[in-house]
Amino acid sequence: MNKNEMIKKIENVSRMWKISIVRELCIKNDWFTKGDIKQYEQMFDLVKESNYEYASVCIWLCSKTEKTIAEIEDMMITEIYKTAVEMEVMTE
């Protein structure tokens, strides 16, 4: 499944689920260690709006990572999709 198909499938996943999943990704990958709380909240606002591209830019700017913005975005979308399928929180 390509990125656009995954995005379409996860449109109806709860905003809180998305935030929780992205938060876990940040912790797991040691991302967002250079950002402040206001930037962190702004990044989550972008996640709530399903604006994964700009959320990925925020993560990249506030992290010491070798991942590219595109890789971060793909990881976010894939993890949200995978978790939604596993938890059966996605609507068809």
Protein backbone atom coordinates (compact mmCIF):
# COMPACT_ATOMS: atom_id res chain seq x y z
CA MET A 1 0.00 0.00 0.00
CA ASN A 2 1.42 3.41 -0.90
CA LYS A 3 1.60 6.47 1.36
CA ASN A 4 -1.49 8.17 -0.09
CA GLU A 5 -3.58 5.03 0.33
CA MET A 6 -2.45 4.73 3.96
CA ILE A 7 -3.26 8.40 4.61
CA LYS A 8 -6.75 7.92 3.18
CA LYS A 9 -7.30 4.84 5.38
CA ILE A 10 -6.18 6.60 8.58
CA GLU A 11 -8.25 9.77 8.05
CA ASN A 12 -10.82 8.62 10.59
CA VAL A 13 -8.41 7.45 13.26
CA SER A 14 -8.95 9.43 16.43
CA ARG A 15 -6.75 12.48 16.86
CA MET A 16 -5.77 11.26 20.30
CA TRP A 17 -4.65 7.91 18.87
CA LYS A 18 -2.52 9.70 16.28
CA ILE A 19 -0.91 11.91 18.91
CA SER A 20 -0.22 8.95 21.17
CA ILE A 21 1.40 7.00 18.33
CA VAL A 22 3.57 9.93 17.23
CA ARG A 23 4.55 10.63 20.84
CA GLU A 24 5.71 7.02 21.19
CA LEU A 25 7.68 7.32 17.94
CA CYS A 26 9.41 10.43 19.26
CA ILE A 27 10.35 8.66 22.48
CA LYS A 28 11.46 5.47 20.73
CA ASN A 29 13.63 7.33 18.20
CA ASP A 30 14.89 10.04 20.59
CA TRP A 31 13.27 12.73 18.44
CA PHE A 32 12.29 16.25 19.46
CA THR A 33 15.04 16.56 22.06
CA LYS A 34 15.96 20.07 20.86
CA GLY A 35 12.44 21.51 20.90
CA ASP A 36 10.50 23.27 23.62
CA ILE A 37 7.01 22.52 24.89
CA LYS A 38 5.38 25.13 22.63
CA GLN A 39 7.01 23.59 19.53
CA TYR A 40 6.00 20.11 20.74
CA GLU A 41 2.38 21.22 21.09
CA GLN A 42 2.46 22.88 17.65
CA MET A 43 3.80 19.67 16.12
CA PHE A 44 0.93 17.72 17.70
CA ASP A 45 -1.55 20.26 16.33
CA LEU A 46 -0.21 19.40 12.87
CA VAL A 47 -0.64 15.69 13.62
CA LYS A 48 -4.24 16.35 14.71
CA GLU A 49 -4.83 18.03 11.35
CA SER A 50 -3.22 15.04 9.56
CA ASN A 51 -0.53 17.38 8.24
CA TYR A 52 2.21 14.75 8.45
CA GLU A 53 4.59 16.55 6.08
CA TYR A 54 4.85 19.66 8.25
CA ALA A 55 4.81 17.65 11.47
CA SER A 56 7.80 15.74 10.07
CA VAL A 57 9.59 19.02 9.35
CA CYS A 58 9.01 20.08 12.97
CA ILE A 59 10.36 16.78 14.26
CA TRP A 60 13.38 16.98 11.97
CA LEU A 61 14.18 20.58 12.98
CA CYS A 62 13.92 19.77 16.69
CA SER A 63 15.86 16.50 16.59
CA LYS A 64 19.35 15.22 16.19
CA THR A 65 18.60 12.49 13.67
CA GLU A 66 20.07 11.03 10.53
CA LYS A 67 16.57 10.42 9.16
CA THR A 68 15.31 12.67 6.39
CA ILE A 69 12.03 14.55 6.61
CA ALA A 70 10.51 12.10 4.12
CA GLU A 71 11.68 9.12 6.19
CA ILE A 72 10.19 10.62 9.35
CA GLU A 73 6.89 11.25 7.55
CA ASP A 74 6.82 7.70 6.18
CA MET A 75 7.58 6.26 9.62
CA MET A 76 4.75 8.32 11.16
CA ILE A 77 2.17 7.33 8.56
CA THR A 78 3.21 3.68 8.59
CA GLU A 79 3.14 3.46 12.39
CA ILE A 80 -0.27 5.15 12.64
CA TYR A 81 -1.65 2.80 9.98
CA LYS A 82 -0.07 -0.32 11.48
CA THR A 83 -1.21 0.51 15.01
CA ALA A 84 -4.72 1.40 13.84
CA VAL A 85 -5.03 -1.94 12.07
CA GLU A 86 -3.69 -3.84 15.09
CA MET A 87 -5.97 -2.02 17.51
CA GLU A 88 -8.93 -2.08 15.10
CA VAL A 89 -9.53 1.64 15.61
CA MET A 90 -9.72 2.42 11.91
CA THR A 91 -12.99 2.73 10.06
CA GLU A 92 -13.40 1.35 6.55
